[in-house]
N, C-alpha and C. Protein backbone atom coordinates (compact mmCIF):
# COMPACT_ATOMS: atom_id res chain seq x y z
N MET A 1 -13.78 -28.82 -12.21
CA MET A 1 -15.00 -29.37 -11.65
C MET A 1 -14.80 -29.66 -10.17
N LEU A 2 -15.84 -29.44 -9.40
CA LEU A 2 -15.85 -29.78 -7.98
C LEU A 2 -16.15 -31.27 -7.83
N LYS A 3 -15.22 -31.98 -7.17
CA LYS A 3 -15.40 -33.41 -6.90
C LYS A 3 -15.46 -33.58 -5.39
N ILE A 4 -16.47 -34.31 -4.94
CA ILE A 4 -16.68 -34.49 -3.50
C ILE A 4 -16.67 -35.97 -3.15
N PHE A 5 -15.96 -36.29 -2.07
CA PHE A 5 -16.00 -37.63 -1.49
C PHE A 5 -16.54 -37.48 -0.09
N TYR A 6 -17.65 -38.16 0.21
CA TYR A 6 -18.20 -38.13 1.56
C TYR A 6 -17.50 -39.20 2.38
N GLY A 7 -16.84 -38.77 3.43
CA GLY A 7 -16.02 -39.63 4.26
C GLY A 7 -14.63 -39.03 4.33
N THR A 8 -13.64 -39.86 4.62
CA THR A 8 -12.26 -39.37 4.69
C THR A 8 -11.37 -40.20 3.78
N VAL A 9 -10.28 -39.60 3.38
CA VAL A 9 -9.26 -40.30 2.61
C VAL A 9 -7.92 -40.02 3.28
N GLU A 10 -6.95 -40.87 3.02
CA GLU A 10 -5.65 -40.74 3.67
C GLU A 10 -4.98 -39.40 3.39
N GLU A 11 -5.20 -38.87 2.18
CA GLU A 11 -4.53 -37.63 1.77
C GLU A 11 -5.19 -36.38 2.32
N ASN A 12 -6.29 -36.52 3.07
CA ASN A 12 -7.03 -35.37 3.62
C ASN A 12 -6.12 -34.39 4.34
N LEU A 13 -6.33 -33.12 4.06
CA LEU A 13 -5.64 -32.06 4.80
C LEU A 13 -6.69 -31.23 5.52
N TYR A 14 -6.40 -30.86 6.75
CA TYR A 14 -7.31 -30.01 7.52
C TYR A 14 -6.99 -28.56 7.16
N GLY A 15 -7.90 -27.91 6.44
CA GLY A 15 -7.67 -26.60 5.87
C GLY A 15 -7.15 -25.52 6.80
N PRO A 16 -7.81 -25.29 7.95
CA PRO A 16 -7.35 -24.21 8.83
C PRO A 16 -5.91 -24.37 9.31
N ALA A 17 -5.54 -25.57 9.72
CA ALA A 17 -4.17 -25.80 10.20
C ALA A 17 -3.18 -25.72 9.05
N TRP A 18 -3.54 -26.30 7.92
CA TRP A 18 -2.65 -26.25 6.75
C TRP A 18 -2.41 -24.79 6.34
N PHE A 19 -3.47 -24.01 6.29
CA PHE A 19 -3.38 -22.59 5.92
C PHE A 19 -2.44 -21.85 6.87
N ASN A 20 -2.64 -22.01 8.17
CA ASN A 20 -1.83 -21.29 9.16
C ASN A 20 -0.33 -21.55 8.99
N ASN A 21 0.02 -22.72 8.49
CA ASN A 21 1.43 -23.09 8.35
C ASN A 21 1.98 -22.90 6.94
N ASN A 22 1.12 -22.59 5.96
CA ASN A 22 1.58 -22.58 4.57
C ASN A 22 1.16 -21.38 3.74
N TYR A 23 0.32 -20.50 4.25
CA TYR A 23 -0.18 -19.40 3.40
C TYR A 23 0.96 -18.51 2.95
N GLU A 24 0.72 -17.86 1.81
CA GLU A 24 1.68 -16.89 1.27
C GLU A 24 0.97 -15.55 1.18
N GLN A 25 1.63 -14.51 1.64
CA GLN A 25 1.01 -13.18 1.71
C GLN A 25 0.45 -12.74 0.37
N GLU A 26 1.10 -13.07 -0.72
CA GLU A 26 0.62 -12.61 -2.04
C GLU A 26 -0.74 -13.21 -2.41
N TRP A 27 -1.15 -14.29 -1.76
CA TRP A 27 -2.48 -14.84 -2.02
C TRP A 27 -3.56 -13.81 -1.75
N PHE A 28 -3.34 -12.96 -0.77
CA PHE A 28 -4.37 -12.01 -0.33
C PHE A 28 -4.57 -10.87 -1.31
N GLU A 29 -3.65 -10.70 -2.24
CA GLU A 29 -3.77 -9.66 -3.26
C GLU A 29 -4.68 -10.10 -4.41
N ASP A 30 -5.03 -11.37 -4.47
CA ASP A 30 -5.91 -11.94 -5.49
C ASP A 30 -7.34 -11.47 -5.22
N THR A 31 -7.99 -10.85 -6.19
CA THR A 31 -9.34 -10.31 -5.97
C THR A 31 -10.36 -11.42 -5.68
N PHE A 32 -10.15 -12.61 -6.23
CA PHE A 32 -11.06 -13.73 -5.94
C PHE A 32 -10.98 -14.09 -4.46
N VAL A 33 -9.77 -14.13 -3.92
CA VAL A 33 -9.57 -14.40 -2.49
C VAL A 33 -10.22 -13.30 -1.66
N GLN A 34 -10.01 -12.06 -2.05
CA GLN A 34 -10.61 -10.94 -1.32
C GLN A 34 -12.13 -11.02 -1.32
N ASP A 35 -12.71 -11.42 -2.46
CA ASP A 35 -14.17 -11.56 -2.54
C ASP A 35 -14.67 -12.66 -1.60
N MET A 36 -13.93 -13.79 -1.53
CA MET A 36 -14.32 -14.88 -0.63
C MET A 36 -14.29 -14.40 0.82
N VAL A 37 -13.20 -13.73 1.20
CA VAL A 37 -13.04 -13.26 2.58
C VAL A 37 -14.15 -12.27 2.93
N ARG A 38 -14.44 -11.37 2.01
CA ARG A 38 -15.48 -10.36 2.25
C ARG A 38 -16.85 -11.02 2.41
N ASP A 39 -17.15 -11.99 1.56
CA ASP A 39 -18.45 -12.64 1.60
C ASP A 39 -18.60 -13.57 2.81
N VAL A 40 -17.64 -14.42 3.03
CA VAL A 40 -17.75 -15.44 4.08
C VAL A 40 -17.53 -14.85 5.48
N ASP A 41 -16.51 -14.03 5.63
CA ASP A 41 -16.15 -13.51 6.96
C ASP A 41 -16.59 -12.08 7.22
N LYS A 42 -17.15 -11.43 6.20
CA LYS A 42 -17.51 -10.00 6.34
C LYS A 42 -16.28 -9.20 6.77
N THR A 43 -15.16 -9.53 6.15
CA THR A 43 -13.87 -8.94 6.48
C THR A 43 -13.20 -8.45 5.21
N THR A 44 -12.48 -7.34 5.31
CA THR A 44 -11.86 -6.72 4.14
C THR A 44 -10.35 -6.81 4.24
N TYR A 45 -9.73 -7.13 3.11
CA TYR A 45 -8.26 -7.15 3.06
C TYR A 45 -7.76 -5.72 2.99
N LYS A 46 -6.77 -5.40 3.81
CA LYS A 46 -6.19 -4.05 3.83
C LYS A 46 -4.88 -4.04 3.04
N GLU A 47 -3.85 -4.66 3.60
CA GLU A 47 -2.55 -4.73 2.94
C GLU A 47 -1.67 -5.72 3.69
N GLY A 48 -0.64 -6.20 3.02
CA GLY A 48 0.28 -7.12 3.67
C GLY A 48 -0.46 -8.31 4.26
N GLU A 49 -0.39 -8.44 5.56
CA GLU A 49 -1.10 -9.52 6.27
C GLU A 49 -2.12 -8.93 7.23
N VAL A 50 -2.78 -7.86 6.82
CA VAL A 50 -3.76 -7.19 7.67
C VAL A 50 -5.14 -7.22 7.02
N PHE A 51 -6.10 -7.69 7.79
CA PHE A 51 -7.51 -7.70 7.40
C PHE A 51 -8.28 -6.85 8.39
N GLU A 52 -9.38 -6.30 7.95
CA GLU A 52 -10.23 -5.48 8.82
C GLU A 52 -11.57 -6.18 9.00
N SER A 53 -11.82 -6.63 10.21
CA SER A 53 -13.07 -7.29 10.56
C SER A 53 -14.01 -6.29 11.22
N SER A 54 -15.27 -6.33 10.82
CA SER A 54 -16.24 -5.42 11.43
C SER A 54 -16.46 -5.74 12.91
N VAL A 55 -16.14 -6.96 13.31
CA VAL A 55 -16.33 -7.39 14.70
C VAL A 55 -15.03 -7.29 15.50
N LEU A 56 -13.93 -7.75 14.91
CA LEU A 56 -12.66 -7.86 15.65
C LEU A 56 -11.68 -6.73 15.39
N GLY A 57 -11.94 -5.89 14.41
CA GLY A 57 -10.98 -4.85 14.04
C GLY A 57 -9.89 -5.42 13.16
N ALA A 58 -8.68 -4.90 13.28
CA ALA A 58 -7.55 -5.38 12.47
C ALA A 58 -7.13 -6.76 12.97
N ILE A 59 -7.02 -7.71 12.02
CA ILE A 59 -6.65 -9.08 12.37
C ILE A 59 -5.62 -9.61 11.38
N PRO A 60 -4.80 -10.59 11.83
CA PRO A 60 -3.87 -11.26 10.92
C PRO A 60 -4.60 -12.40 10.20
N PRO A 61 -4.01 -12.97 9.16
CA PRO A 61 -4.65 -14.07 8.43
C PRO A 61 -5.03 -15.26 9.31
N GLU A 62 -4.24 -15.51 10.35
CA GLU A 62 -4.52 -16.65 11.23
C GLU A 62 -5.85 -16.52 11.95
N LYS A 63 -6.41 -15.32 12.03
CA LYS A 63 -7.68 -15.10 12.72
C LYS A 63 -8.89 -15.16 11.79
N LEU A 64 -8.67 -15.42 10.50
CA LEU A 64 -9.80 -15.62 9.59
C LEU A 64 -10.53 -16.90 10.00
N SER A 65 -11.75 -17.06 9.55
CA SER A 65 -12.52 -18.26 9.91
C SER A 65 -11.91 -19.51 9.29
N GLY A 66 -12.20 -20.65 9.91
CA GLY A 66 -11.73 -21.92 9.37
C GLY A 66 -12.26 -22.18 7.97
N GLY A 67 -13.49 -21.75 7.72
CA GLY A 67 -14.08 -21.96 6.40
C GLY A 67 -13.34 -21.21 5.31
N VAL A 68 -13.07 -19.93 5.54
CA VAL A 68 -12.39 -19.13 4.51
C VAL A 68 -10.93 -19.56 4.37
N LYS A 69 -10.30 -19.99 5.45
CA LYS A 69 -8.93 -20.51 5.35
C LYS A 69 -8.91 -21.75 4.46
N THR A 70 -9.91 -22.61 4.63
CA THR A 70 -9.98 -23.82 3.82
C THR A 70 -10.24 -23.47 2.36
N LEU A 71 -11.16 -22.54 2.10
CA LEU A 71 -11.43 -22.12 0.72
C LEU A 71 -10.18 -21.57 0.05
N ILE A 72 -9.46 -20.70 0.73
CA ILE A 72 -8.24 -20.13 0.15
C ILE A 72 -7.23 -21.24 -0.13
N SER A 73 -7.08 -22.17 0.81
CA SER A 73 -6.14 -23.28 0.64
C SER A 73 -6.50 -24.12 -0.58
N ILE A 74 -7.78 -24.40 -0.75
CA ILE A 74 -8.25 -25.18 -1.90
C ILE A 74 -7.98 -24.43 -3.19
N TYR A 75 -8.34 -23.16 -3.22
CA TYR A 75 -8.19 -22.34 -4.42
C TYR A 75 -6.72 -22.20 -4.84
N LYS A 76 -5.86 -22.00 -3.89
CA LYS A 76 -4.44 -21.78 -4.20
C LYS A 76 -3.65 -23.08 -4.37
N ASN A 77 -4.25 -24.21 -4.01
CA ASN A 77 -3.57 -25.51 -4.10
C ASN A 77 -4.55 -26.56 -4.61
N PRO A 78 -5.02 -26.42 -5.85
CA PRO A 78 -6.10 -27.28 -6.34
C PRO A 78 -5.75 -28.76 -6.48
N THR A 79 -4.48 -29.11 -6.43
CA THR A 79 -4.12 -30.52 -6.55
C THR A 79 -4.14 -31.25 -5.21
N LEU A 80 -4.24 -30.51 -4.12
CA LEU A 80 -4.31 -31.13 -2.79
C LEU A 80 -5.76 -31.43 -2.44
N ILE A 81 -5.96 -32.41 -1.56
CA ILE A 81 -7.31 -32.78 -1.13
C ILE A 81 -7.52 -32.26 0.29
N PHE A 82 -8.50 -31.37 0.42
CA PHE A 82 -8.81 -30.78 1.72
C PHE A 82 -10.14 -31.29 2.25
N ASP A 83 -10.20 -31.44 3.57
CA ASP A 83 -11.46 -31.76 4.24
C ASP A 83 -12.23 -30.44 4.35
N ALA A 84 -13.32 -30.33 3.63
CA ALA A 84 -14.11 -29.09 3.62
C ALA A 84 -15.17 -29.07 4.71
N THR A 85 -15.10 -30.01 5.64
CA THR A 85 -16.08 -30.06 6.72
C THR A 85 -16.01 -28.82 7.61
N SER A 86 -14.86 -28.16 7.65
CA SER A 86 -14.75 -26.92 8.44
C SER A 86 -15.44 -25.75 7.75
N CYS A 87 -15.89 -25.96 6.54
CA CYS A 87 -16.62 -24.93 5.79
C CYS A 87 -18.11 -25.04 6.10
N GLY A 88 -18.74 -23.93 6.40
CA GLY A 88 -20.18 -23.92 6.60
C GLY A 88 -20.90 -23.80 5.27
N ASP A 89 -22.22 -23.80 5.33
CA ASP A 89 -23.02 -23.68 4.11
C ASP A 89 -22.73 -22.38 3.36
N ASN A 90 -22.27 -21.34 4.07
CA ASN A 90 -21.94 -20.08 3.40
C ASN A 90 -20.71 -20.20 2.50
N CYS A 91 -20.01 -21.31 2.58
CA CYS A 91 -18.84 -21.55 1.72
C CYS A 91 -19.21 -22.35 0.47
N ALA A 92 -20.40 -22.94 0.43
CA ALA A 92 -20.77 -23.83 -0.67
C ALA A 92 -20.66 -23.16 -2.03
N ILE A 93 -21.19 -21.96 -2.15
CA ILE A 93 -21.14 -21.26 -3.44
C ILE A 93 -19.70 -21.04 -3.88
N TRP A 94 -18.81 -20.81 -2.92
CA TRP A 94 -17.40 -20.58 -3.26
C TRP A 94 -16.71 -21.86 -3.68
N LEU A 95 -17.05 -22.98 -3.08
CA LEU A 95 -16.52 -24.26 -3.56
C LEU A 95 -16.96 -24.48 -5.00
N GLN A 96 -18.22 -24.16 -5.29
CA GLN A 96 -18.72 -24.31 -6.65
C GLN A 96 -17.99 -23.38 -7.61
N LYS A 97 -17.76 -22.15 -7.20
CA LYS A 97 -17.05 -21.19 -8.07
C LYS A 97 -15.61 -21.62 -8.31
N ILE A 98 -14.94 -22.12 -7.28
CA ILE A 98 -13.57 -22.61 -7.45
C ILE A 98 -13.60 -23.79 -8.42
N GLY A 99 -14.59 -24.68 -8.25
CA GLY A 99 -14.73 -25.83 -9.13
C GLY A 99 -15.00 -25.47 -10.58
N GLN A 100 -15.56 -24.30 -10.82
CA GLN A 100 -15.75 -23.84 -12.19
C GLN A 100 -14.44 -23.32 -12.79
N LYS A 101 -13.50 -22.95 -11.94
CA LYS A 101 -12.21 -22.44 -12.40
C LYS A 101 -11.17 -23.55 -12.52
N GLU A 102 -11.21 -24.52 -11.60
CA GLU A 102 -10.19 -25.56 -11.48
C GLU A 102 -10.85 -26.89 -11.14
N ASP A 103 -10.17 -27.98 -11.45
CA ASP A 103 -10.60 -29.28 -10.94
C ASP A 103 -10.11 -29.37 -9.50
N ILE A 104 -11.04 -29.55 -8.57
CA ILE A 104 -10.68 -29.67 -7.15
C ILE A 104 -11.40 -30.87 -6.55
N THR A 105 -10.76 -31.48 -5.56
CA THR A 105 -11.35 -32.60 -4.83
C THR A 105 -11.36 -32.25 -3.36
N VAL A 106 -12.52 -32.42 -2.73
CA VAL A 106 -12.65 -32.19 -1.30
C VAL A 106 -13.38 -33.37 -0.67
N THR A 107 -13.20 -33.51 0.64
CA THR A 107 -14.00 -34.47 1.38
C THR A 107 -14.95 -33.69 2.27
N LEU A 108 -16.06 -34.32 2.58
CA LEU A 108 -17.06 -33.72 3.47
C LEU A 108 -17.59 -34.80 4.40
N ARG A 109 -18.06 -34.37 5.58
CA ARG A 109 -18.68 -35.29 6.53
C ARG A 109 -20.04 -34.79 6.97
N TYR A 110 -20.65 -33.94 6.12
CA TYR A 110 -22.02 -33.50 6.37
C TYR A 110 -22.65 -33.08 5.05
N ALA A 111 -23.95 -32.89 5.07
CA ALA A 111 -24.69 -32.54 3.85
C ALA A 111 -24.68 -31.03 3.64
N MET A 112 -23.62 -30.54 3.03
CA MET A 112 -23.52 -29.11 2.73
C MET A 112 -24.61 -28.73 1.74
N ARG A 113 -25.19 -27.55 1.95
CA ARG A 113 -26.26 -27.07 1.07
C ARG A 113 -25.67 -26.27 -0.09
N PHE A 114 -25.62 -26.91 -1.23
CA PHE A 114 -25.08 -26.26 -2.42
C PHE A 114 -26.14 -25.40 -3.08
N GLU A 115 -25.67 -24.42 -3.85
CA GLU A 115 -26.56 -23.48 -4.53
C GLU A 115 -26.89 -23.97 -5.93
N GLU A 116 -28.07 -23.59 -6.40
CA GLU A 116 -28.43 -23.83 -7.79
C GLU A 116 -27.85 -22.68 -8.59
N ILE A 117 -26.74 -22.95 -9.26
CA ILE A 117 -26.07 -21.90 -10.03
C ILE A 117 -26.06 -22.29 -11.50
N ASN A 118 -25.76 -21.33 -12.35
CA ASN A 118 -25.60 -21.64 -13.77
C ASN A 118 -24.48 -22.65 -13.91
N ASP A 119 -24.67 -23.60 -14.80
CA ASP A 119 -23.66 -24.64 -15.04
C ASP A 119 -23.36 -25.46 -13.79
N PHE A 120 -24.41 -25.77 -13.00
CA PHE A 120 -24.25 -26.62 -11.82
C PHE A 120 -23.62 -27.93 -12.27
N GLU A 121 -22.52 -28.30 -11.62
CA GLU A 121 -21.86 -29.55 -11.96
C GLU A 121 -20.99 -29.98 -10.79
N ILE A 122 -21.34 -31.11 -10.20
CA ILE A 122 -20.57 -31.67 -9.10
C ILE A 122 -20.41 -33.16 -9.35
N CYS A 123 -19.19 -33.65 -9.17
CA CYS A 123 -18.92 -35.08 -9.28
C CYS A 123 -18.94 -35.67 -7.87
N LEU A 124 -19.79 -36.65 -7.67
CA LEU A 124 -19.86 -37.37 -6.40
C LEU A 124 -18.98 -38.61 -6.54
N LEU A 125 -17.80 -38.55 -5.95
CA LEU A 125 -16.81 -39.61 -6.13
C LEU A 125 -17.25 -40.94 -5.54
N ASN A 126 -18.07 -40.92 -4.50
CA ASN A 126 -18.54 -42.17 -3.89
C ASN A 126 -19.32 -43.01 -4.89
N THR A 127 -19.97 -42.36 -5.86
CA THR A 127 -20.76 -43.09 -6.87
C THR A 127 -20.19 -42.96 -8.27
N ASN A 128 -19.10 -42.20 -8.41
CA ASN A 128 -18.52 -41.91 -9.73
C ASN A 128 -19.54 -41.34 -10.69
N SER A 129 -20.39 -40.45 -10.19
CA SER A 129 -21.43 -39.83 -11.01
C SER A 129 -21.28 -38.32 -11.02
N ILE A 130 -21.59 -37.72 -12.16
CA ILE A 130 -21.58 -36.27 -12.30
C ILE A 130 -23.02 -35.79 -12.31
N TYR A 131 -23.30 -34.80 -11.48
CA TYR A 131 -24.66 -34.26 -11.36
C TYR A 131 -24.69 -32.83 -11.89
N LYS A 132 -25.68 -32.56 -12.71
CA LYS A 132 -25.87 -31.23 -13.28
C LYS A 132 -27.16 -30.59 -12.76
N ASP A 133 -27.74 -31.24 -11.76
CA ASP A 133 -28.98 -30.77 -11.16
C ASP A 133 -28.83 -30.84 -9.64
N LYS A 134 -29.12 -29.74 -8.97
CA LYS A 134 -28.94 -29.66 -7.52
C LYS A 134 -29.77 -30.71 -6.79
N LYS A 135 -31.02 -30.87 -7.17
CA LYS A 135 -31.90 -31.80 -6.47
C LYS A 135 -31.39 -33.23 -6.61
N GLU A 136 -31.00 -33.63 -7.82
CA GLU A 136 -30.48 -34.98 -8.03
C GLU A 136 -29.20 -35.20 -7.22
N PHE A 137 -28.32 -34.19 -7.21
CA PHE A 137 -27.09 -34.30 -6.43
C PHE A 137 -27.42 -34.46 -4.95
N THR A 138 -28.32 -33.63 -4.44
CA THR A 138 -28.66 -33.66 -3.02
C THR A 138 -29.21 -35.02 -2.62
N LEU A 139 -30.10 -35.58 -3.42
CA LEU A 139 -30.66 -36.91 -3.12
C LEU A 139 -29.56 -37.97 -3.10
N ALA A 140 -28.67 -37.93 -4.09
CA ALA A 140 -27.58 -38.91 -4.14
C ALA A 140 -26.63 -38.72 -2.96
N ALA A 141 -26.31 -37.47 -2.63
CA ALA A 141 -25.41 -37.19 -1.52
C ALA A 141 -26.00 -37.68 -0.20
N LEU A 142 -27.28 -37.43 0.01
CA LEU A 142 -27.92 -37.88 1.26
C LEU A 142 -27.92 -39.39 1.37
N THR A 143 -28.11 -40.08 0.26
CA THR A 143 -28.07 -41.54 0.25
C THR A 143 -26.67 -42.03 0.63
N VAL A 144 -25.65 -41.42 0.04
CA VAL A 144 -24.27 -41.80 0.34
C VAL A 144 -23.95 -41.50 1.81
N ILE A 145 -24.33 -40.34 2.27
CA ILE A 145 -24.06 -39.96 3.67
C ILE A 145 -24.70 -40.96 4.63
N ASP A 146 -25.92 -41.37 4.32
CA ASP A 146 -26.62 -42.34 5.16
C ASP A 146 -25.88 -43.67 5.21
N GLU A 147 -25.21 -44.01 4.11
CA GLU A 147 -24.51 -45.29 4.03
C GLU A 147 -23.11 -45.25 4.66
N VAL A 148 -22.41 -44.12 4.51
CA VAL A 148 -21.00 -44.12 4.91
C VAL A 148 -20.68 -43.35 6.18
N LEU A 149 -21.56 -42.49 6.61
CA LEU A 149 -21.23 -41.70 7.80
C LEU A 149 -22.03 -42.11 9.02
């Protein structure tokens, strides 16, 4: 399940920097990771540590976007808490998909626009409530954001 805390916690990790210092090349062979990179960055995994960007050409993993670096870090390290604020709204569906595969906890400092997907389920840690409806979650999240940020 995807668990979100609006604000910061001491254990917060900044995804892009953490990724640059800790990624493992074999992560890129995972088709789920490749799908995230293709969708979020419009970039294709080639081999080893080489990606092909339609804009930049051949790039190393360090040149992927901060959002996709954070998503990969979360997916490959579900017990760590990452600040997902570096993720744009185009990452929301992927946070939800990761949350359907694993229990993950992230922090946010803005109102990310989540998708209405099958089996919508997000735990808002600030209120200790689980939401199964996008509209109810959004209203609760906006209330929390107004109070804590």
